[in-house]
Amino acid sequence: MSPADLTPEEIQACLKVLNTIHAYDEEHPDYVAIRRATGKMFKAVKRHRRVTKRDEIAEADRAVIALTATAARTGSTTKPAATSWQPRRRAKSPATSSGPGPATSASSTTRR
């Protein structure tokens, strides 16, 4: 059945049934038949909402990325200079170079 096959009167009759079917018991055969028939529409609604939400989030992400320097197509001249990271080295004190074990002098506990 194509959309052109449904008349406005049939659509109105369908909506009337769907708006009043909740009065039936959930085990009633008519209620079960309508629930099964509307299952595909329910899934389509869920799919539509999920896709719409995903598209909105993706568009917002693209807008944020477009504003960053890494996404600029022309290249940015304001990129930070690369620096190499070096760990801080502690100065050796005479007490720590005398042998293994923890240092006990006061000069070995000071850090620079």
PDB file of N, CA and C in Angstrom:
ATOM      1  N   MET A   1       0.848  -1.168   0.000  1.00  0.00           N
ATOM      2  CA  MET A   1       0.000   0.000   0.000  1.00  0.00           C
ATOM      3  C   MET A   1       0.898   1.237   0.000  1.00  0.00           C
ATOM      4  N   SER A   2       0.651   2.149  -0.851  1.00  0.00           N
ATOM      5  CA  SER A   2       1.439   3.372  -0.928  1.00  0.00           C
ATOM      6  C   SER A   2       0.705   4.494  -0.195  1.00  0.00           C
ATOM      7  N   PRO A   3       1.409   5.578   0.139  1.00  0.00           N
ATOM      8  CA  PRO A   3       0.751   6.690   0.844  1.00  0.00           C
ATOM      9  C   PRO A   3      -0.431   7.262   0.071  1.00  0.00           C
ATOM     10  N   ALA A   4      -0.411   7.174  -1.244  1.00  0.00           N
ATOM     11  CA  ALA A   4      -1.504   7.715  -2.047  1.00  0.00           C
ATOM     12  C   ALA A   4      -2.771   6.880  -1.903  1.00  0.00           C
ATOM     13  N   ASP A   5      -2.636   5.635  -1.436  1.00  0.00           N
ATOM     14  CA  ASP A   5      -3.800   4.758  -1.295  1.00  0.00           C
ATOM     15  C   ASP A   5      -4.650   5.096  -0.071  1.00  0.00           C
ATOM     16  N   LEU A   6      -4.120   5.828   0.886  1.00  0.00           N
ATOM     17  CA  LEU A   6      -4.864   6.155   2.096  1.00  0.00           C
ATOM     18  C   LEU A   6      -5.602   7.480   1.904  1.00  0.00           C
ATOM     19  N   THR A   7      -6.866   7.437   2.218  1.00  0.00           N
ATOM     20  CA  THR A   7      -7.667   8.668   2.122  1.00  0.00           C
ATOM     21  C   THR A   7      -7.593   9.414   3.453  1.00  0.00           C
ATOM     22  N   PRO A   8      -7.899  10.678   3.460  1.00  0.00           N
ATOM     23  CA  PRO A   8      -7.922  11.428   4.728  1.00  0.00           C
ATOM     24  C   PRO A   8      -8.895  10.819   5.742  1.00  0.00           C
ATOM     25  N   GLU A   9      -9.998  10.248   5.264  1.00  0.00           N
ATOM     26  CA  GLU A   9     -10.962   9.623   6.169  1.00  0.00           C
ATOM     27  C   GLU A   9     -10.365   8.388   6.832  1.00  0.00           C
ATOM     28  N   GLU A  10      -9.571   7.613   6.098  1.00  0.00           N
ATOM     29  CA  GLU A  10      -8.927   6.425   6.666  1.00  0.00           C
ATOM     30  C   GLU A  10      -7.873   6.821   7.713  1.00  0.00           C
ATOM     31  N   ILE A  11      -7.159   7.878   7.421  1.00  0.00           N
ATOM     32  CA  ILE A  11      -6.163   8.363   8.384  1.00  0.00           C
ATOM     33  C   ILE A  11      -6.868   8.802   9.672  1.00  0.00           C
ATOM     34  N   GLN A  12      -7.974   9.521   9.543  1.00  0.00           N
ATOM     35  CA  GLN A  12      -8.721   9.975  10.719  1.00  0.00           C
ATOM     36  C   GLN A  12      -9.261   8.783  11.516  1.00  0.00           C
ATOM     37  N   ALA A  13      -9.749   7.753  10.818  1.00  0.00           N
ATOM     38  CA  ALA A  13     -10.267   6.557  11.496  1.00  0.00           C
ATOM     39  C   ALA A  13      -9.136   5.860  12.257  1.00  0.00           C
ATOM     40  N   CYS A  14      -7.967   5.791  11.643  1.00  0.00           N
ATOM     41  CA  CYS A  14      -6.800   5.176  12.289  1.00  0.00           C
ATOM     42  C   CYS A  14      -6.432   5.933  13.557  1.00  0.00           C
ATOM     43  N   LEU A  15      -6.356   7.252  13.460  1.00  0.00           N
ATOM     44  CA  LEU A  15      -6.014   8.062  14.623  1.00  0.00           C
ATOM     45  C   LEU A  15      -7.044   7.925  15.738  1.00  0.00           C
ATOM     46  N   LYS A  16      -8.326   7.810  15.370  1.00  0.00           N
ATOM     47  CA  LYS A  16      -9.385   7.631  16.365  1.00  0.00           C
ATOM     48  C   LYS A  16      -9.185   6.333  17.124  1.00  0.00           C
ATOM     49  N   VAL A  17      -8.878   5.271  16.390  1.00  0.00           N
ATOM     50  CA  VAL A  17      -8.651   3.964  17.020  1.00  0.00           C
ATOM     51  C   VAL A  17      -7.428   4.030  17.934  1.00  0.00           C
ATOM     52  N   LEU A  18      -6.335   4.614  17.440  1.00  0.00           N
ATOM     53  CA  LEU A  18      -5.110   4.679  18.239  1.00  0.00           C
ATOM     54  C   LEU A  18      -5.280   5.528  19.495  1.00  0.00           C
ATOM     55  N   ASN A  19      -6.111   6.550  19.417  1.00  0.00           N
ATOM     56  CA  ASN A  19      -6.344   7.400  20.589  1.00  0.00           C
ATOM     57  C   ASN A  19      -7.274   6.770  21.615  1.00  0.00           C
ATOM     58  N   THR A  20      -8.031   5.740  21.236  1.00  0.00           N
ATOM     59  CA  THR A  20      -8.982   5.131  22.173  1.00  0.00           C
ATOM     60  C   THR A  20      -8.645   3.691  22.543  1.00  0.00           C
ATOM     61  N   ILE A  21      -7.668   3.086  21.904  1.00  0.00           N
ATOM     62  CA  ILE A  21      -7.370   1.667  22.144  1.00  0.00           C
ATOM     63  C   ILE A  21      -6.878   1.412  23.568  1.00  0.00           C
ATOM     64  N   HIS A  22      -6.326   2.446  24.232  1.00  0.00           N
ATOM     65  CA  HIS A  22      -5.814   2.266  25.587  1.00  0.00           C
ATOM     66  C   HIS A  22      -6.901   1.854  26.579  1.00  0.00           C
ATOM     67  N   ALA A  23      -8.162   2.034  26.225  1.00  0.00           N
ATOM     68  CA  ALA A  23      -9.261   1.648  27.101  1.00  0.00           C
ATOM     69  C   ALA A  23      -9.442   0.132  27.152  1.00  0.00           C
ATOM     70  N   TYR A  24      -8.924  -0.576  26.166  1.00  0.00           N
ATOM     71  CA  TYR A  24      -9.027  -2.028  26.122  1.00  0.00           C
ATOM     72  C   TYR A  24      -8.030  -2.658  27.094  1.00  0.00           C
ATOM     73  N   ASP A  25      -8.326  -3.879  27.488  1.00  0.00           N
ATOM     74  CA  ASP A  25      -7.400  -4.664  28.293  1.00  0.00           C
ATOM     75  C   ASP A  25      -6.219  -5.059  27.410  1.00  0.00           C
ATOM     76  N   GLU A  26      -5.030  -5.100  27.965  1.00  0.00           N
ATOM     77  CA  GLU A  26      -3.835  -5.400  27.171  1.00  0.00           C
ATOM     78  C   GLU A  26      -3.822  -6.818  26.596  1.00  0.00           C
ATOM     79  N   GLU A  27      -4.682  -7.677  27.112  1.00  0.00           N
ATOM     80  CA  GLU A  27      -4.761  -9.048  26.598  1.00  0.00           C
ATOM     81  C   GLU A  27      -5.859  -9.219  25.547  1.00  0.00           C
ATOM     82  N   HIS A  28      -6.659  -8.184  25.329  1.00  0.00           N
ATOM     83  CA  HIS A  28      -7.748  -8.246  24.350  1.00  0.00           C
ATOM     84  C   HIS A  28      -7.152  -8.467  22.957  1.00  0.00           C
ATOM     85  N   PRO A  29      -7.746  -9.338  22.143  1.00  0.00           N
ATOM     86  CA  PRO A  29      -7.196  -9.644  20.814  1.00  0.00           C
ATOM     87  C   PRO A  29      -7.061  -8.415  19.911  1.00  0.00           C
ATOM     88  N   ASP A  30      -7.993  -7.485  19.993  1.00  0.00           N
ATOM     89  CA  ASP A  30      -7.889  -6.274  19.165  1.00  0.00           C
ATOM     90  C   ASP A  30      -6.706  -5.402  19.618  1.00  0.00           C
ATOM     91  N   TYR A  31      -6.528  -5.296  20.920  1.00  0.00           N
ATOM     92  CA  TYR A  31      -5.415  -4.520  21.455  1.00  0.00           C
ATOM     93  C   TYR A  31      -4.085  -5.136  21.014  1.00  0.00           C
ATOM     94  N   VAL A  32      -3.981  -6.459  21.113  1.00  0.00           N
ATOM     95  CA  VAL A  32      -2.757  -7.162  20.709  1.00  0.00           C
ATOM     96  C   VAL A  32      -2.489  -6.965  19.223  1.00  0.00           C
ATOM     97  N   ALA A  33      -3.538  -7.048  18.402  1.00  0.00           N
ATOM     98  CA  ALA A  33      -3.367  -6.877  16.954  1.00  0.00           C
ATOM     99  C   ALA A  33      -2.882  -5.462  16.616  1.00  0.00           C
ATOM    100  N   ILE A  34      -3.435  -4.474  17.280  1.00  0.00           N
ATOM    101  CA  ILE A  34      -3.013  -3.090  17.014  1.00  0.00           C
ATOM    102  C   ILE A  34      -1.598  -2.857  17.534  1.00  0.00           C
ATOM    103  N   ARG A  35      -1.278  -3.439  18.684  1.00  0.00           N
ATOM    104  CA  ARG A  35       0.083  -3.296  19.219  1.00  0.00           C
ATOM    105  C   ARG A  35       1.105  -3.869  18.247  1.00  0.00           C
ATOM    106  N   ARG A  36       0.796  -5.021  17.692  1.00  0.00           N
ATOM    107  CA  ARG A  36       1.712  -5.628  16.708  1.00  0.00           C
ATOM    108  C   ARG A  36       1.807  -4.783  15.441  1.00  0.00           C
ATOM    109  N   ALA A  37       0.684  -4.258  15.005  1.00  0.00           N
ATOM    110  CA  ALA A  37       0.672  -3.455  13.779  1.00  0.00           C
ATOM    111  C   ALA A  37       1.418  -2.129  13.953  1.00  0.00           C
ATOM    112  N   THR A  38       1.394  -1.578  15.153  1.00  0.00           N
ATOM    113  CA  THR A  38       2.059  -0.293  15.379  1.00  0.00           C
ATOM    114  C   THR A  38       3.508  -0.444  15.812  1.00  0.00           C
ATOM    115  N   GLY A  39       3.961  -1.659  16.027  1.00  0.00           N
ATOM    116  CA  GLY A  39       5.340  -1.893  16.440  1.00  0.00           C
ATOM    117  C   GLY A  39       6.357  -1.324  15.461  1.00  0.00           C
ATOM    118  N   LYS A  40       6.097  -1.491  14.180  1.00  0.00           N
ATOM    119  CA  LYS A  40       7.017  -0.978  13.171  1.00  0.00           C
ATOM    120  C   LYS A  40       7.074   0.548  13.206  1.00  0.00           C
ATOM    121  N   MET A  41       5.930   1.195  13.413  1.00  0.00           N
ATOM    122  CA  MET A  41       5.901   2.653  13.502  1.00  0.00           C
ATOM    123  C   MET A  41       6.658   3.129  14.746  1.00  0.00           C
ATOM    124  N   PHE A  42       6.483   2.407  15.854  1.00  0.00           N
ATOM    125  CA  PHE A  42       7.171   2.768  17.089  1.00  0.00           C
ATOM    126  C   PHE A  42       8.682   2.705  16.885  1.00  0.00           C
ATOM    127  N   LYS A  43       9.153   1.649  16.242  1.00  0.00           N
ATOM    128  CA  LYS A  43      10.586   1.511  15.973  1.00  0.00           C
ATOM    129  C   LYS A  43      11.081   2.606  15.031  1.00  0.00           C
ATOM    130  N   ALA A  44      10.259   2.983  14.068  1.00  0.00           N
ATOM    131  CA  ALA A  44      10.634   4.054  13.137  1.00  0.00           C
ATOM    132  C   ALA A  44      10.761   5.386  13.873  1.00  0.00           C
ATOM    133  N   VAL A  45       9.878   5.639  14.829  1.00  0.00           N
ATOM    134  CA  VAL A  45       9.944   6.869  15.618  1.00  0.00           C
ATOM    135  C   VAL A  45      11.224   6.892  16.449  1.00  0.00           C
ATOM    136  N   LYS A  46      11.555   5.776  17.086  1.00  0.00           N
ATOM    137  CA  LYS A  46      12.775   5.698  17.882  1.00  0.00           C
ATOM    138  C   LYS A  46      14.011   5.910  17.007  1.00  0.00           C
ATOM    139  N   ARG A  47      14.015   5.280  15.855  1.00  0.00           N
ATOM    140  CA  ARG A  47      15.147   5.418  14.932  1.00  0.00           C
ATOM    141  C   ARG A  47      15.296   6.871  14.481  1.00  0.00           C
ATOM    142  N   HIS A  48      14.173   7.508  14.148  1.00  0.00           N
ATOM    143  CA  HIS A  48      14.192   8.902  13.704  1.00  0.00           C
ATOM    144  C   HIS A  48      14.750   9.820  14.805  1.00  0.00           C
ATOM    145  N   ARG A  49      14.307   9.635  16.040  1.00  0.00           N
ATOM    146  CA  ARG A  49      14.798  10.458  17.148  1.00  0.00           C
ATOM    147  C   ARG A  49      16.298  10.246  17.368  1.00  0.00           C
ATOM    148  N   ARG A  50      16.727   8.997  17.304  1.00  0.00           N
ATOM    149  CA  ARG A  50      18.132   8.669  17.516  1.00  0.00           C
ATOM    150  C   ARG A  50      19.011   9.303  16.430  1.00  0.00           C
ATOM    151  N   VAL A  51      18.581   9.183  15.174  1.00  0.00           N
ATOM    152  CA  VAL A  51      19.349   9.752  14.056  1.00  0.00           C
ATOM    153  C   VAL A  51      19.375  11.274  14.133  1.00  0.00           C
ATOM    154  N   THR A  52      18.245  11.878  14.474  1.00  0.00           N
ATOM    155  CA  THR A  52      18.183  13.340  14.588  1.00  0.00           C
ATOM    156  C   THR A  52      19.116  13.832  15.687  1.00  0.00           C
ATOM    157  N   LYS A  53      19.102  13.180  16.827  1.00  0.00           N
ATOM    158  CA  LYS A  53      19.968  13.572  17.934  1.00  0.00           C
ATOM    159  C   LYS A  53      21.434  13.383  17.561  1.00  0.00           C
ATOM    160  N   ARG A  54      21.757  12.264  16.920  1.00  0.00           N
ATOM    161  CA  ARG A  54      23.136  12.005  16.500  1.00  0.00           C
ATOM    162  C   ARG A  54      23.611  13.061  15.509  1.00  0.00           C
ATOM    163  N   ASP A  55      22.745  13.437  14.568  1.00  0.00           N
ATOM    164  CA  ASP A  55      23.105  14.456  13.577  1.00  0.00           C
ATOM    165  C   ASP A  55      23.337  15.826  14.225  1.00  0.00           C
ATOM    166  N   GLU A  56      22.516  16.172  15.226  1.00  0.00           N
ATOM    167  CA  GLU A  56      22.688  17.448  15.927  1.00  0.00           C
ATOM    168  C   GLU A  56      24.014  17.478  16.680  1.00  0.00           C
ATOM    169  N   ILE A  57      24.345  16.383  17.342  1.00  0.00           N
ATOM    170  CA  ILE A  57      25.601  16.308  18.085  1.00  0.00           C
ATOM    171  C   ILE A  57      26.784  16.373  17.130  1.00  0.00           C
ATOM    172  N   ALA A  58      26.700  15.649  16.015  1.00  0.00           N
ATOM    173  CA  ALA A  58      27.787  15.656  15.035  1.00  0.00           C
ATOM    174  C   ALA A  58      27.989  17.044  14.446  1.00  0.00           C
ATOM    175  N   GLU A  59      26.911  17.755  14.181  1.00  0.00           N
ATOM    176  CA  GLU A  59      27.018  19.112  13.640  1.00  0.00           C
ATOM    177  C   GLU A  59      27.669  20.047  14.655  1.00  0.00           C
ATOM    178  N   ALA A  60      27.290  19.926  15.911  1.00  0.00           N
ATOM    179  CA  ALA A  60      27.902  20.755  16.954  1.00  0.00           C
ATOM    180  C   ALA A  60      29.390  20.433  17.090  1.00  0.00           C
ATOM    181  N   ASP A  61      29.736  19.146  17.019  1.00  0.00           N
ATOM    182  CA  ASP A  61      31.146  18.754  17.086  1.00  0.00           C
ATOM    183  C   ASP A  61      31.928  19.323  15.917  1.00  0.00           C
ATOM    184  N   ARG A  62      31.363  19.266  14.722  1.00  0.00           N
ATOM    185  CA  ARG A  62      32.046  19.819  13.543  1.00  0.00           C
ATOM    186  C   ARG A  62      32.256  21.327  13.694  1.00  0.00           C
ATOM    187  N   ALA A  63      31.284  22.019  14.266  1.00  0.00           N
ATOM    188  CA  ALA A  63      31.412  23.461  14.461  1.00  0.00           C
ATOM    189  C   ALA A  63      32.537  23.781  15.438  1.00  0.00           C
ATOM    190  N   VAL A  64      32.664  23.012  16.504  1.00  0.00           N
ATOM    191  CA  VAL A  64      33.729  23.238  17.478  1.00  0.00           C
ATOM    192  C   VAL A  64      35.088  22.922  16.860  1.00  0.00           C
ATOM    193  N   ILE A  65      35.174  21.819  16.154  1.00  0.00           N
ATOM    194  CA  ILE A  65      36.441  21.428  15.539  1.00  0.00           C
ATOM    195  C   ILE A  65      36.862  22.438  14.491  1.00  0.00           C
ATOM    196  N   ALA A  66      35.922  22.998  13.765  1.00  0.00           N
ATOM    197  CA  ALA A  66      36.241  23.981  12.732  1.00  0.00           C
ATOM    198  C   ALA A  66      36.873  25.233  13.325  1.00  0.00           C
ATOM    199  N   LEU A  67      36.596  25.515  14.588  1.00  0.00           N
ATOM    200  CA  LEU A  67      37.149  26.699  15.234  1.00  0.00           C
ATOM    201  C   LEU A  67      38.539  26.472  15.825  1.00  0.00           C
ATOM    202  N   THR A  68      38.987  25.233  15.876  1.00  0.00           N
ATOM    203  CA  THR A  68      40.291  24.950  16.465  1.00  0.00           C
ATOM    204  C   THR A  68      41.390  25.081  15.432  1.00  0.00           C
ATOM    205  N   ALA A  69      42.619  25.282  15.882  1.00  0.00           N
ATOM    206  CA  ALA A  69      43.762  25.448  14.977  1.00  0.00           C
ATOM    207  C   ALA A  69      44.060  24.158  14.222  1.00  0.00           C
ATOM    208  N   THR A  70      43.790  23.019  14.818  1.00  0.00           N
ATOM    209  CA  THR A  70      44.112  21.761  14.150  1.00  0.00           C
ATOM    210  C   THR A  70      43.182  21.473  12.988  1.00  0.00           C
ATOM    211  N   ALA A  71      42.031  22.107  12.964  1.00  0.00           N
ATOM    212  CA  ALA A  71      41.087  21.856  11.881  1.00  0.00           C
ATOM    213  C   ALA A  71      41.190  22.895  10.773  1.00  0.00           C
ATOM    214  N   ALA A  72      41.981  23.929  10.979  1.00  0.00           N
ATOM    215  CA  ALA A  72      42.084  24.989   9.977  1.00  0.00           C
ATOM    216  C   ALA A  72      42.713  24.434   8.705  1.00  0.00           C
ATOM    217  N   ARG A  73      42.076  24.653   7.584  1.00  0.00           N
ATOM    218  CA  ARG A  73      42.550  24.129   6.299  1.00  0.00           C
ATOM    219  C   ARG A  73      43.773  24.896   5.798  1.00  0.00           C
ATOM    220  N   THR A  74      43.890  26.165   6.125  1.00  0.00           N
ATOM    221  CA  THR A  74      44.977  27.000   5.608  1.00  0.00           C
ATOM    222  C   THR A  74      46.230  26.898   6.456  1.00  0.00           C
ATOM    223  N   GLY A  75      46.162  26.324   7.605  1.00  0.00           N
ATOM    224  CA  GLY A  75      47.312  26.244   8.497  1.00  0.00           C
ATOM    225  C   GLY A  75      47.361  27.488   9.343  1.00  0.00           C
ATOM    226  N   SER A  76      47.683  27.340  10.565  1.00  0.00           N
ATOM    227  CA  SER A  76      47.698  28.471  11.476  1.00  0.00           C
ATOM    228  C   SER A  76      49.129  28.883  11.753  1.00  0.00           C
ATOM    229  N   THR A  77      49.370  30.166  11.767  1.00  0.00           N
ATOM    230  CA  THR A  77      50.701  30.662  12.090  1.00  0.00           C
ATOM    231  C   THR A  77      50.834  30.906  13.582  1.00  0.00           C
ATOM    232  N   THR A  78      49.795  30.660  14.326  1.00  0.00           N
ATOM    233  CA  THR A  78      49.840  30.895  15.762  1.00  0.00           C
ATOM    234  C   THR A  78      49.984  29.597  16.545  1.00  0.00           C
ATOM    235  N   LYS A  79      50.448  28.540  15.895  1.00  0.00           N
ATOM    236  CA  LYS A  79      50.621  27.275  16.596  1.00  0.00           C
ATOM    237  C   LYS A  79      51.759  27.411  17.597  1.00  0.00           C
ATOM    238  N   PRO A  80      51.628  26.802  18.757  1.00  0.00           N
ATOM    239  CA  PRO A  80      52.688  26.908  19.746  1.00  0.00           C
ATOM    240  C   PRO A  80      53.943  26.172  19.280  1.00  0.00           C
ATOM    241  N   ALA A  81      55.084  26.690  19.678  1.00  0.00           N
ATOM    242  CA  ALA A  81      56.342  26.060  19.309  1.00  0.00           C
ATOM    243  C   ALA A  81      56.489  24.745  20.059  1.00  0.00           C
ATOM    244  N   ALA A  82      57.057  23.767  19.391  1.00  0.00           N
ATOM    245  CA  ALA A  82      57.257  22.463  20.012  1.00  0.00           C
ATOM    246  C   ALA A  82      58.400  22.566  21.003  1.00  0.00           C
ATOM    247  N   THR A  83      58.175  22.059  22.183  1.00  0.00           N
ATOM    248  CA  THR A  83      59.216  22.041  23.188  1.00  0.00           C
ATOM    249  C   THR A  83      59.402  20.616  23.645  1.00  0.00           C
ATOM    250  N   SER A  84      60.657  20.272  23.908  1.00  0.00           N
ATOM    251  CA  SER A  84      60.897  18.917  24.405  1.00  0.00           C
ATOM    252  C   SER A  84      60.880  18.957  25.923  1.00  0.00           C
ATOM    253  N   TRP A  85      60.301  17.986  26.486  1.00  0.00           N
ATOM    254  CA  TRP A  85      60.165  17.921  27.929  1.00  0.00           C
ATOM    255  C   TRP A  85      61.375  17.220  28.499  1.00  0.00           C
ATOM    256  N   GLN A  86      61.958  17.801  29.517  1.00  0.00           N
ATOM    257  CA  GLN A  86      63.101  17.212  30.206  1.00  0.00           C
ATOM    258  C   GLN A  86      62.755  17.102  31.682  1.00  0.00           C
ATOM    259  N   PRO A  87      63.017  15.952  32.273  1.00  0.00           N
ATOM    260  CA  PRO A  87      62.734  15.825  33.703  1.00  0.00           C
ATOM    261  C   PRO A  87      63.701  16.684  34.512  1.00  0.00           C
ATOM    262  N   ARG A  88      63.244  17.129  35.659  1.00  0.00           N
ATOM    263  CA  ARG A  88      64.115  17.914  36.538  1.00  0.00           C
ATOM    264  C   ARG A  88      65.144  16.999  37.165  1.00  0.00           C
ATOM    265  N   ARG A  89      66.352  17.467  37.216  1.00  0.00           N
ATOM    266  CA  ARG A  89      67.426  16.679  37.830  1.00  0.00           C
ATOM    267  C   ARG A  89      67.756  17.270  39.181  1.00  0.00           C
ATOM    268  N   ARG A  90      67.997  16.388  40.099  1.00  0.00           N
ATOM    269  CA  ARG A  90      68.368  16.824  41.437  1.00  0.00           C
ATOM    270  C   ARG A  90      69.888  16.965  41.508  1.00  0.00           C
ATOM    271  N   ALA A  91      70.310  17.978  42.220  1.00  0.00           N
ATOM    272  CA  ALA A  91      71.744  18.154  42.433  1.00  0.00           C
ATOM    273  C   ALA A  91      72.197  17.152  43.473  1.00  0.00           C
ATOM    274  N   LYS A  92      73.315  16.520  43.189  1.00  0.00           N
ATOM    275  CA  LYS A  92      73.831  15.549  44.147  1.00  0.00           C
ATOM    276  C   LYS A  92      74.532  16.275  45.273  1.00  0.00           C
ATOM    277  N   SER A  93      74.287  15.821  46.476  1.00  0.00           N
ATOM    278  CA  SER A  93      74.973  16.394  47.634  1.00  0.00           C
ATOM    279  C   SER A  93      76.070  15.424  48.061  1.00  0.00           C
ATOM    280  N   PRO A  94      77.026  15.878  48.794  1.00  0.00           N
ATOM    281  CA  PRO A  94      78.106  14.985  49.221  1.00  0.00           C
ATOM    282  C   PRO A  94      77.595  13.806  50.026  1.00  0.00           C
ATOM    283  N   ALA A  95      76.528  13.962  50.770  1.00  0.00           N
ATOM    284  CA  ALA A  95      76.016  12.872  51.597  1.00  0.00           C
ATOM    285  C   ALA A  95      75.415  11.762  50.748  1.00  0.00           C
ATOM    286  N   THR A  96      74.805  12.090  49.601  1.00  0.00           N
ATOM    287  CA  THR A  96      74.168  11.058  48.791  1.00  0.00           C
ATOM    288  C   THR A  96      75.162  10.327  47.922  1.00  0.00           C
ATOM    289  N   SER A  97      76.322  10.891  47.669  1.00  0.00           N
ATOM    290  CA  SER A  97      77.289  10.224  46.813  1.00  0.00           C
ATOM    291  C   SER A  97      78.230   9.328  47.590  1.00  0.00           C
ATOM    292  N   SER A  98      78.128   9.251  48.929  1.00  0.00           N
ATOM    293  CA  SER A  98      79.047   8.472  49.741  1.00  0.00           C
ATOM    294  C   SER A  98      78.732   6.984  49.715  1.00  0.00           C
ATOM    295  N   GLY A  99      77.550   6.594  49.361  1.00  0.00           N
ATOM    296  CA  GLY A  99      77.249   5.169  49.340  1.00  0.00           C
ATOM    297  C   GLY A  99      75.777   4.921  49.226  1.00  0.00           C
ATOM    298  N   PRO A 100      75.395   3.652  49.188  1.00  0.00           N
ATOM    299  CA  PRO A 100      73.972   3.328  49.061  1.00  0.00           C
ATOM    300  C   PRO A 100      73.199   3.641  50.330  1.00  0.00           C
ATOM    301  N   GLY A 101      71.880   3.748  50.178  1.00  0.00           N
ATOM    302  CA  GLY A 101      71.024   3.987  51.325  1.00  0.00           C
ATOM    303  C   GLY A 101      70.549   5.416  51.365  1.00  0.00           C
ATOM    304  N   PRO A 102      69.590   5.728  52.240  1.00  0.00           N
ATOM    305  CA  PRO A 102      69.049   7.081  52.320  1.00  0.00           C
ATOM    306  C   PRO A 102      70.047   8.037  52.936  1.00  0.00           C
ATOM    307  N   ALA A 103      70.006   9.253  52.454  1.00  0.00           N
ATOM    308  CA  ALA A 103      70.891  10.293  52.981  1.00  0.00           C
ATOM    309  C   ALA A 103      70.342  10.811  54.291  1.00  0.00           C
ATOM    310  N   THR A 104      71.273  11.156  55.202  1.00  0.00           N
ATOM    311  CA  THR A 104      70.824  11.631  56.508  1.00  0.00           C
ATOM    312  C   THR A 104      71.189  13.070  56.770  1.00  0.00           C
ATOM    313  N   SER A 105      71.930  13.679  55.893  1.00  0.00           N
ATOM    314  CA  SER A 105      72.323  15.062  56.151  1.00  0.00           C
ATOM    315  C   SER A 105      71.194  16.012  55.771  1.00  0.00           C
ATOM    316  N   ALA A 106      71.208  17.200  56.329  1.00  0.00           N
ATOM    317  CA  ALA A 106      70.172  18.202  56.092  1.00  0.00           C
ATOM    318  C   ALA A 106      70.265  18.732  54.665  1.00  0.00           C
ATOM    319  N   SER A 107      71.440  18.775  54.076  1.00  0.00           N
ATOM    320  CA  SER A 107      71.581  19.310  52.727  1.00  0.00           C
ATOM    321  C   SER A 107      70.975  18.409  51.670  1.00  0.00           C
ATOM    322  N   SER A 108      70.821  17.133  51.963  1.00  0.00           N
ATOM    323  CA  SER A 108      70.271  16.213  50.965  1.00  0.00           C
ATOM    324  C   SER A 108      68.748  16.303  50.879  1.00  0.00           C
ATOM    325  N   THR A 109      68.111  16.922  51.842  1.00  0.00           N
ATOM    326  CA  THR A 109      66.646  17.009  51.811  1.00  0.00           C
ATOM    327  C   THR A 109      66.154  18.252  51.125  1.00  0.00           C
ATOM    328  N   THR A 110      67.043  19.177  50.826  1.00  0.00           N
ATOM    329  CA  THR A 110      66.592  20.399  50.138  1.00  0.00           C
ATOM    330  C   THR A 110      66.557  20.148  48.646  1.00  0.00           C
ATOM    331  N   ARG A 111      65.536  20.681  48.015  1.00  0.00           N
ATOM    332  CA  ARG A 111      65.370  20.497  46.573  1.00  0.00           C
ATOM    333  C   ARG A 111      65.453  21.832  45.895  1.00  0.00           C
ATOM    334  N   ARG A 112      65.864  21.797  44.687  1.00  0.00           N
ATOM    335  CA  ARG A 112      65.954  23.017  43.927  1.00  0.00           C
ATOM    336  C   ARG A 112      64.869  23.084  42.909  1.00  0.00           C
TER     337      ARG A 112
END
